Amino acid sequence: MYLDKAKKEEIFGQYGKSNTDTGSAESQIALFSYRISHLTEHLKMNRKDYTTARSLTKLVGKRRALLNYLYDRDVNRYRAIVKALGLRK
């Protein structure tokens, strides 16, 4: 499995407040970004996998909603997570 418990704890530890911080917007955005990159690589090889394409679209929408929430609440945290994940070009 591409996303096991250890990998999740690593992501939460790096972008959240602790390894068990699963609720903060930053940790959720980081987790969604990891999953999005994995699904993108899968779709490059399996372009007719429409179920995965739909899941990818839904994940991007969830991440966008969390980013909008974070932008409205605290612009500095928003800028920090965007810079850390490299979401803007």
PDB file of N, CA and C in Angstrom:
ATOM      1  N   MET A   1       0.844  -1.182   0.000  1.00  0.00           N
ATOM      2  CA  MET A   1       0.000   0.000   0.000  1.00  0.00           C
ATOM      3  C   MET A   1       0.890   1.247   0.000  1.00  0.00           C
ATOM      4  N   TYR A   2       0.518   2.216  -0.778  1.00  0.00           N
ATOM      5  CA  TYR A   2       1.362   3.392  -0.949  1.00  0.00           C
ATOM      6  C   TYR A   2       1.314   4.339   0.248  1.00  0.00           C
ATOM      7  N   LEU A   3       0.275   4.280   1.049  1.00  0.00           N
ATOM      8  CA  LEU A   3       0.126   5.215   2.165  1.00  0.00           C
ATOM      9  C   LEU A   3      -0.164   4.418   3.440  1.00  0.00           C
ATOM     10  N   ASP A   4       0.887   4.049   4.151  1.00  0.00           N
ATOM     11  CA  ASP A   4       0.708   3.310   5.389  1.00  0.00           C
ATOM     12  C   ASP A   4       0.747   4.265   6.587  1.00  0.00           C
ATOM     13  N   LYS A   5       0.596   3.700   7.759  1.00  0.00           N
ATOM     14  CA  LYS A   5       0.509   4.507   8.980  1.00  0.00           C
ATOM     15  C   LYS A   5       1.786   5.313   9.216  1.00  0.00           C
ATOM     16  N   ALA A   6       2.930   4.712   8.944  1.00  0.00           N
ATOM     17  CA  ALA A   6       4.205   5.401   9.159  1.00  0.00           C
ATOM     18  C   ALA A   6       4.344   6.612   8.235  1.00  0.00           C
ATOM     19  N   LYS A   7       3.907   6.465   6.986  1.00  0.00           N
ATOM     20  CA  LYS A   7       4.002   7.571   6.030  1.00  0.00           C
ATOM     21  C   LYS A   7       3.069   8.718   6.444  1.00  0.00           C
ATOM     22  N   LYS A   8       1.871   8.381   6.921  1.00  0.00           N
ATOM     23  CA  LYS A   8       0.942   9.401   7.390  1.00  0.00           C
ATOM     24  C   LYS A   8       1.526  10.161   8.580  1.00  0.00           C
ATOM     25  N   GLU A   9       2.103   9.425   9.530  1.00  0.00           N
ATOM     26  CA  GLU A   9       2.695  10.078  10.698  1.00  0.00           C
ATOM     27  C   GLU A   9       3.851  10.980  10.292  1.00  0.00           C
ATOM     28  N   GLU A  10       4.605  10.560   9.280  1.00  0.00           N
ATOM     29  CA  GLU A  10       5.703  11.398   8.782  1.00  0.00           C
ATOM     30  C   GLU A  10       5.169  12.703   8.188  1.00  0.00           C
ATOM     31  N   ILE A  11       4.111  12.608   7.404  1.00  0.00           N
ATOM     32  CA  ILE A  11       3.504  13.806   6.796  1.00  0.00           C
ATOM     33  C   ILE A  11       2.931  14.709   7.889  1.00  0.00           C
ATOM     34  N   PHE A  12       2.214  14.126   8.845  1.00  0.00           N
ATOM     35  CA  PHE A  12       1.621  14.923   9.915  1.00  0.00           C
ATOM     36  C   PHE A  12       2.700  15.564  10.782  1.00  0.00           C
ATOM     37  N   GLY A  13       3.776  14.847  11.023  1.00  0.00           N
ATOM     38  CA  GLY A  13       4.864  15.394  11.821  1.00  0.00           C
ATOM     39  C   GLY A  13       5.581  16.532  11.132  1.00  0.00           C
ATOM     40  N   GLN A  14       5.703  16.434   9.805  1.00  0.00           N
ATOM     41  CA  GLN A  14       6.425  17.462   9.058  1.00  0.00           C
ATOM     42  C   GLN A  14       5.601  18.735   8.883  1.00  0.00           C
ATOM     43  N   TYR A  15       4.307  18.597   8.618  1.00  0.00           N
ATOM     44  CA  TYR A  15       3.490  19.768   8.311  1.00  0.00           C
ATOM     45  C   TYR A  15       2.525  20.155   9.415  1.00  0.00           C
ATOM     46  N   GLY A  16       2.227  19.244  10.333  1.00  0.00           N
ATOM     47  CA  GLY A  16       1.330  19.548  11.431  1.00  0.00           C
ATOM     48  C   GLY A  16       2.098  19.936  12.680  1.00  0.00           C
ATOM     49  N   LYS A  17       1.399  19.941  13.792  1.00  0.00           N
ATOM     50  CA  LYS A  17       2.040  20.299  15.058  1.00  0.00           C
ATOM     51  C   LYS A  17       2.760  19.106  15.693  1.00  0.00           C
ATOM     52  N   SER A  18       2.261  17.884  15.420  1.00  0.00           N
ATOM     53  CA  SER A  18       2.879  16.672  15.950  1.00  0.00           C
ATOM     54  C   SER A  18       2.534  15.510  15.016  1.00  0.00           C
ATOM     55  N   ASN A  19       3.012  14.318  15.364  1.00  0.00           N
ATOM     56  CA  ASN A  19       2.729  13.139  14.534  1.00  0.00           C
ATOM     57  C   ASN A  19       1.267  12.722  14.577  1.00  0.00           C
ATOM     58  N   THR A  20       0.567  13.131  15.626  1.00  0.00           N
ATOM     59  CA  THR A  20      -0.839  12.758  15.760  1.00  0.00           C
ATOM     60  C   THR A  20      -1.776  13.905  15.414  1.00  0.00           C
ATOM     61  N   ASP A  21      -1.262  14.988  14.872  1.00  0.00           N
ATOM     62  CA  ASP A  21      -2.072  16.157  14.518  1.00  0.00           C
ATOM     63  C   ASP A  21      -2.717  15.922  13.158  1.00  0.00           C
ATOM     64  N   THR A  22      -3.875  15.261  13.172  1.00  0.00           N
ATOM     65  CA  THR A  22      -4.542  14.927  11.913  1.00  0.00           C
ATOM     66  C   THR A  22      -5.612  15.945  11.540  1.00  0.00           C
ATOM     67  N   GLY A  23      -5.928  16.871  12.421  1.00  0.00           N
ATOM     68  CA  GLY A  23      -7.044  17.764  12.189  1.00  0.00           C
ATOM     69  C   GLY A  23      -6.695  19.126  11.648  1.00  0.00           C
ATOM     70  N   SER A  24      -5.437  19.541  11.759  1.00  0.00           N
ATOM     71  CA  SER A  24      -5.101  20.886  11.305  1.00  0.00           C
ATOM     72  C   SER A  24      -5.187  20.960   9.786  1.00  0.00           C
ATOM     73  N   ALA A  25      -5.496  22.136   9.293  1.00  0.00           N
ATOM     74  CA  ALA A  25      -5.647  22.330   7.858  1.00  0.00           C
ATOM     75  C   ALA A  25      -4.348  22.041   7.126  1.00  0.00           C
ATOM     76  N   GLU A  26      -3.214  22.425   7.712  1.00  0.00           N
ATOM     77  CA  GLU A  26      -1.930  22.205   7.054  1.00  0.00           C
ATOM     78  C   GLU A  26      -1.647  20.720   6.862  1.00  0.00           C
ATOM     79  N   SER A  27      -1.905  19.916   7.881  1.00  0.00           N
ATOM     80  CA  SER A  27      -1.619  18.489   7.766  1.00  0.00           C
ATOM     81  C   SER A  27      -2.558  17.822   6.765  1.00  0.00           C
ATOM     82  N   GLN A  28      -3.817  18.248   6.730  1.00  0.00           N
ATOM     83  CA  GLN A  28      -4.753  17.674   5.765  1.00  0.00           C
ATOM     84  C   GLN A  28      -4.385  18.067   4.346  1.00  0.00           C
ATOM     85  N   ILE A  29      -3.979  19.316   4.148  1.00  0.00           N
ATOM     86  CA  ILE A  29      -3.562  19.770   2.823  1.00  0.00           C
ATOM     87  C   ILE A  29      -2.335  18.994   2.359  1.00  0.00           C
ATOM     88  N   ALA A  30      -1.397  18.756   3.263  1.00  0.00           N
ATOM     89  CA  ALA A  30      -0.189  17.997   2.916  1.00  0.00           C
ATOM     90  C   ALA A  30      -0.542  16.562   2.546  1.00  0.00           C
ATOM     91  N   LEU A  31      -1.454  15.954   3.294  1.00  0.00           N
ATOM     92  CA  LEU A  31      -1.867  14.590   2.991  1.00  0.00           C
ATOM     93  C   LEU A  31      -2.575  14.524   1.641  1.00  0.00           C
ATOM     94  N   PHE A  32      -3.473  15.465   1.392  1.00  0.00           N
ATOM     95  CA  PHE A  32      -4.153  15.508   0.097  1.00  0.00           C
ATOM     96  C   PHE A  32      -3.156  15.706  -1.034  1.00  0.00           C
ATOM     97  N   SER A  33      -2.155  16.542  -0.830  1.00  0.00           N
ATOM     98  CA  SER A  33      -1.154  16.784  -1.866  1.00  0.00           C
ATOM     99  C   SER A  33      -0.364  15.519  -2.172  1.00  0.00           C
ATOM    100  N   TYR A  34      -0.035  14.759  -1.147  1.00  0.00           N
ATOM    101  CA  TYR A  34       0.671  13.494  -1.351  1.00  0.00           C
ATOM    102  C   TYR A  34      -0.190  12.533  -2.162  1.00  0.00           C
ATOM    103  N   ARG A  35      -1.450  12.422  -1.789  1.00  0.00           N
ATOM    104  CA  ARG A  35      -2.366  11.527  -2.504  1.00  0.00           C
ATOM    105  C   ARG A  35      -2.585  11.991  -3.938  1.00  0.00           C
ATOM    106  N   ILE A  36      -2.686  13.296  -4.149  1.00  0.00           N
ATOM    107  CA  ILE A  36      -2.876  13.837  -5.493  1.00  0.00           C
ATOM    108  C   ILE A  36      -1.682  13.507  -6.377  1.00  0.00           C
ATOM    109  N   SER A  37      -0.482  13.650  -5.851  1.00  0.00           N
ATOM    110  CA  SER A  37       0.700  13.338  -6.655  1.00  0.00           C
ATOM    111  C   SER A  37       0.752  11.850  -6.997  1.00  0.00           C
ATOM    112  N   HIS A  38       0.344  11.000  -6.060  1.00  0.00           N
ATOM    113  CA  HIS A  38       0.322   9.562  -6.331  1.00  0.00           C
ATOM    114  C   HIS A  38      -0.699   9.231  -7.415  1.00  0.00           C
ATOM    115  N   LEU A  39      -1.891   9.792  -7.310  1.00  0.00           N
ATOM    116  CA  LEU A  39      -2.927   9.517  -8.311  1.00  0.00           C
ATOM    117  C   LEU A  39      -2.553  10.076  -9.678  1.00  0.00           C
ATOM    118  N   THR A  40      -1.867  11.199  -9.702  1.00  0.00           N
ATOM    119  CA  THR A  40      -1.425  11.780 -10.964  1.00  0.00           C
ATOM    120  C   THR A  40      -0.451  10.846 -11.673  1.00  0.00           C
ATOM    121  N   GLU A  41       0.474  10.281 -10.910  1.00  0.00           N
ATOM    122  CA  GLU A  41       1.419   9.321 -11.504  1.00  0.00           C
ATOM    123  C   GLU A  41       0.683   8.085 -12.009  1.00  0.00           C
ATOM    124  N   HIS A  42      -0.315   7.616 -11.271  1.00  0.00           N
ATOM    125  CA  HIS A  42      -1.103   6.463 -11.702  1.00  0.00           C
ATOM    126  C   HIS A  42      -1.830   6.766 -13.015  1.00  0.00           C
ATOM    127  N   LEU A  43      -2.396   7.967 -13.122  1.00  0.00           N
ATOM    128  CA  LEU A  43      -3.152   8.315 -14.324  1.00  0.00           C
ATOM    129  C   LEU A  43      -2.257   8.539 -15.540  1.00  0.00           C
ATOM    130  N   LYS A  44      -0.987   8.855 -15.322  1.00  0.00           N
ATOM    131  CA  LYS A  44      -0.075   8.978 -16.460  1.00  0.00           C
ATOM    132  C   LYS A  44       0.111   7.640 -17.156  1.00  0.00           C
ATOM    133  N   MET A  45       0.060   6.564 -16.384  1.00  0.00           N
ATOM    134  CA  MET A  45       0.219   5.229 -16.958  1.00  0.00           C
ATOM    135  C   MET A  45      -1.117   4.606 -17.354  1.00  0.00           C
ATOM    136  N   ASN A  46      -2.191   4.980 -16.681  1.00  0.00           N
ATOM    137  CA  ASN A  46      -3.511   4.385 -16.906  1.00  0.00           C
ATOM    138  C   ASN A  46      -4.507   5.484 -17.252  1.00  0.00           C
ATOM    139  N   ARG A  47      -4.407   6.015 -18.429  1.00  0.00           N
ATOM    140  CA  ARG A  47      -5.190   7.195 -18.770  1.00  0.00           C
ATOM    141  C   ARG A  47      -6.685   6.930 -18.903  1.00  0.00           C
ATOM    142  N   LYS A  48      -7.102   5.687 -19.043  1.00  0.00           N
ATOM    143  CA  LYS A  48      -8.527   5.382 -19.176  1.00  0.00           C
ATOM    144  C   LYS A  48      -9.177   4.980 -17.852  1.00  0.00           C
ATOM    145  N   ASP A  49      -8.481   5.147 -16.764  1.00  0.00           N
ATOM    146  CA  ASP A  49      -9.011   4.826 -15.440  1.00  0.00           C
ATOM    147  C   ASP A  49      -9.866   6.004 -14.968  1.00  0.00           C
ATOM    148  N   TYR A  50     -11.126   5.986 -15.349  1.00  0.00           N
ATOM    149  CA  TYR A  50     -11.999   7.126 -15.100  1.00  0.00           C
ATOM    150  C   TYR A  50     -12.387   7.262 -13.627  1.00  0.00           C
ATOM    151  N   THR A  51     -12.430   6.157 -12.912  1.00  0.00           N
ATOM    152  CA  THR A  51     -12.755   6.218 -11.487  1.00  0.00           C
ATOM    153  C   THR A  51     -11.663   6.946 -10.718  1.00  0.00           C
ATOM    154  N   THR A  52     -10.421   6.661 -11.052  1.00  0.00           N
ATOM    155  CA  THR A  52      -9.312   7.354 -10.407  1.00  0.00           C
ATOM    156  C   THR A  52      -9.285   8.825 -10.804  1.00  0.00           C
ATOM    157  N   ALA A  53      -9.620   9.111 -12.052  1.00  0.00           N
ATOM    158  CA  ALA A  53      -9.661  10.504 -12.502  1.00  0.00           C
ATOM    159  C   ALA A  53     -10.712  11.284 -11.721  1.00  0.00           C
ATOM    160  N   ARG A  54     -11.853  10.670 -11.471  1.00  0.00           N
ATOM    161  CA  ARG A  54     -12.900  11.324 -10.686  1.00  0.00           C
ATOM    162  C   ARG A  54     -12.448  11.533  -9.245  1.00  0.00           C
ATOM    163  N   SER A  55     -11.790  10.530  -8.673  1.00  0.00           N
ATOM    164  CA  SER A  55     -11.273  10.658  -7.309  1.00  0.00           C
ATOM    165  C   SER A  55     -10.235  11.765  -7.214  1.00  0.00           C
ATOM    166  N   LEU A  56      -9.404  11.879  -8.234  1.00  0.00           N
ATOM    167  CA  LEU A  56      -8.403  12.935  -8.268  1.00  0.00           C
ATOM    168  C   LEU A  56      -9.062  14.309  -8.307  1.00  0.00           C
ATOM    169  N   THR A  57     -10.081  14.449  -9.116  1.00  0.00           N
ATOM    170  CA  THR A  57     -10.805  15.718  -9.203  1.00  0.00           C
ATOM    171  C   THR A  57     -11.435  16.088  -7.862  1.00  0.00           C
ATOM    172  N   LYS A  58     -12.015  15.101  -7.173  1.00  0.00           N
ATOM    173  CA  LYS A  58     -12.618  15.364  -5.873  1.00  0.00           C
ATOM    174  C   LYS A  58     -11.568  15.763  -4.837  1.00  0.00           C
ATOM    175  N   LEU A  59     -10.404  15.107  -4.877  1.00  0.00           N
ATOM    176  CA  LEU A  59      -9.335  15.449  -3.941  1.00  0.00           C
ATOM    177  C   LEU A  59      -8.814  16.860  -4.176  1.00  0.00           C
ATOM    178  N   VAL A  60      -8.670  17.232  -5.426  1.00  0.00           N
ATOM    179  CA  VAL A  60      -8.210  18.588  -5.737  1.00  0.00           C
ATOM    180  C   VAL A  60      -9.217  19.611  -5.216  1.00  0.00           C
ATOM    181  N   GLY A  61     -10.499  19.309  -5.350  1.00  0.00           N
ATOM    182  CA  GLY A  61     -11.535  20.202  -4.832  1.00  0.00           C
ATOM    183  C   GLY A  61     -11.498  20.321  -3.317  1.00  0.00           C
ATOM    184  N   LYS A  62     -11.273  19.205  -2.634  1.00  0.00           N
ATOM    185  CA  LYS A  62     -11.169  19.241  -1.170  1.00  0.00           C
ATOM    186  C   LYS A  62      -9.962  20.059  -0.730  1.00  0.00           C
ATOM    187  N   ARG A  63      -8.840  19.858  -1.422  1.00  0.00           N
ATOM    188  CA  ARG A  63      -7.640  20.623  -1.068  1.00  0.00           C
ATOM    189  C   ARG A  63      -7.857  22.105  -1.331  1.00  0.00           C
ATOM    190  N   ARG A  64      -8.509  22.439  -2.437  1.00  0.00           N
ATOM    191  CA  ARG A  64      -8.793  23.839  -2.755  1.00  0.00           C
ATOM    192  C   ARG A  64      -9.683  24.461  -1.688  1.00  0.00           C
ATOM    193  N   ALA A  65     -10.677  23.724  -1.208  1.00  0.00           N
ATOM    194  CA  ALA A  65     -11.572  24.234  -0.166  1.00  0.00           C
ATOM    195  C   ALA A  65     -10.797  24.489   1.127  1.00  0.00           C
ATOM    196  N   LEU A  66      -9.907  23.581   1.490  1.00  0.00           N
ATOM    197  CA  LEU A  66      -9.099  23.790   2.693  1.00  0.00           C
ATOM    198  C   LEU A  66      -8.145  24.972   2.528  1.00  0.00           C
ATOM    199  N   LEU A  67      -7.577  25.123   1.345  1.00  0.00           N
ATOM    200  CA  LEU A  67      -6.701  26.267   1.099  1.00  0.00           C
ATOM    201  C   LEU A  67      -7.471  27.577   1.177  1.00  0.00           C
ATOM    202  N   ASN A  68      -8.692  27.595   0.639  1.00  0.00           N
ATOM    203  CA  ASN A  68      -9.521  28.799   0.739  1.00  0.00           C
ATOM    204  C   ASN A  68      -9.860  29.108   2.192  1.00  0.00           C
ATOM    205  N   TYR A  69     -10.178  28.075   2.972  1.00  0.00           N
ATOM    206  CA  TYR A  69     -10.464  28.243   4.395  1.00  0.00           C
ATOM    207  C   TYR A  69      -9.264  28.847   5.106  1.00  0.00           C
ATOM    208  N   LEU A  70      -8.089  28.293   4.839  1.00  0.00           N
ATOM    209  CA  LEU A  70      -6.882  28.764   5.496  1.00  0.00           C
ATOM    210  C   LEU A  70      -6.551  30.192   5.065  1.00  0.00           C
ATOM    211  N   TYR A  71      -6.795  30.519   3.812  1.00  0.00           N
ATOM    212  CA  TYR A  71      -6.537  31.870   3.313  1.00  0.00           C
ATOM    213  C   TYR A  71      -7.438  32.883   4.019  1.00  0.00           C
ATOM    214  N   ASP A  72      -8.698  32.505   4.238  1.00  0.00           N
ATOM    215  CA  ASP A  72      -9.642  33.398   4.921  1.00  0.00           C
ATOM    216  C   ASP A  72      -9.294  33.580   6.397  1.00  0.00           C
ATOM    217  N   ARG A  73      -8.786  32.528   7.049  1.00  0.00           N
ATOM    218  CA  ARG A  73      -8.520  32.573   8.480  1.00  0.00           C
ATOM    219  C   ARG A  73      -7.162  33.203   8.818  1.00  0.00           C
ATOM    220  N   ASP A  74      -6.116  32.769   8.107  1.00  0.00           N
ATOM    221  CA  ASP A  74      -4.771  33.218   8.438  1.00  0.00           C
ATOM    222  C   ASP A  74      -3.897  33.160   7.188  1.00  0.00           C
ATOM    223  N   VAL A  75      -3.640  34.311   6.598  1.00  0.00           N
ATOM    224  CA  VAL A  75      -2.905  34.381   5.339  1.00  0.00           C
ATOM    225  C   VAL A  75      -1.463  33.902   5.507  1.00  0.00           C
ATOM    226  N   ASN A  76      -0.864  34.152   6.646  1.00  0.00           N
ATOM    227  CA  ASN A  76       0.517  33.736   6.862  1.00  0.00           C
ATOM    228  C   ASN A  76       0.652  32.215   6.871  1.00  0.00           C
ATOM    229  N   ARG A  77      -0.274  31.525   7.523  1.00  0.00           N
ATOM    230  CA  ARG A  77      -0.256  30.056   7.504  1.00  0.00           C
ATOM    231  C   ARG A  77      -0.493  29.538   6.093  1.00  0.00           C
ATOM    232  N   TYR A  78      -1.387  30.190   5.344  1.00  0.00           N
ATOM    233  CA  TYR A  78      -1.662  29.806   3.960  1.00  0.00           C
ATOM    234  C   TYR A  78      -0.400  29.935   3.111  1.00  0.00           C
ATOM    235  N   ARG A  79       0.274  31.062   3.225  1.00  0.00           N
ATOM    236  CA  ARG A  79       1.493  31.282   2.435  1.00  0.00           C
ATOM    237  C   ARG A  79       2.588  30.287   2.817  1.00  0.00           C
ATOM    238  N   ALA A  80       2.670  29.958   4.106  1.00  0.00           N
ATOM    239  CA  ALA A  80       3.699  29.022   4.564  1.00  0.00           C
ATOM    240  C   ALA A  80       3.471  27.624   3.993  1.00  0.00           C
ATOM    241  N   ILE A  81       2.219  27.147   4.004  1.00  0.00           N
ATOM    242  CA  ILE A  81       1.953  25.793   3.504  1.00  0.00           C
ATOM    243  C   ILE A  81       2.088  25.740   1.988  1.00  0.00           C
ATOM    244  N   VAL A  82       1.688  26.792   1.293  1.00  0.00           N
ATOM    245  CA  VAL A  82       1.831  26.819  -0.167  1.00  0.00           C
ATOM    246  C   VAL A  82       3.320  26.798  -0.543  1.00  0.00           C
ATOM    247  N   LYS A  83       4.114  27.543   0.189  1.00  0.00           N
ATOM    248  CA  LYS A  83       5.551  27.566  -0.084  1.00  0.00           C
ATOM    249  C   LYS A  83       6.196  26.224   0.260  1.00  0.00           C
ATOM    250  N   ALA A  84       5.808  25.626   1.387  1.00  0.00           N
ATOM    251  CA  ALA A  84       6.399  24.356   1.809  1.00  0.00           C
ATOM    252  C   ALA A  84       6.081  23.236   0.835  1.00  0.00           C
ATOM    253  N   LEU A  85       4.863  23.241   0.302  1.00  0.00           N
ATOM    254  CA  LEU A  85       4.450  22.173  -0.616  1.00  0.00           C
ATOM    255  C   LEU A  85       4.768  22.493  -2.074  1.00  0.00           C
ATOM    256  N   GLY A  86       5.083  23.744  -2.355  1.00  0.00           N
ATOM    257  CA  GLY A  86       5.382  24.135  -3.727  1.00  0.00           C
ATOM    258  C   GLY A  86       4.172  24.072  -4.637  1.00  0.00           C
ATOM    259  N   LEU A  87       3.034  24.573  -4.151  1.00  0.00           N
ATOM    260  CA  LEU A  87       1.798  24.464  -4.929  1.00  0.00           C
ATOM    261  C   LEU A  87       1.670  25.539  -6.006  1.00  0.00           C
ATOM    262  N   ARG A  88       2.280  26.681  -5.811  1.00  0.00           N
ATOM    263  CA  ARG A  88       2.182  27.775  -6.791  1.00  0.00           C
ATOM    264  C   ARG A  88       3.464  27.843  -7.598  1.00  0.00           C
ATOM    265  N   LYS A  89       3.331  28.214  -8.856  1.00  0.00           N
ATOM    266  CA  LYS A  89       4.512  28.320  -9.709  1.00  0.00           C
ATOM    267  C   LYS A  89       4.849  29.742 -10.002  1.00  0.00           C
TER     268      LYS A  89
END
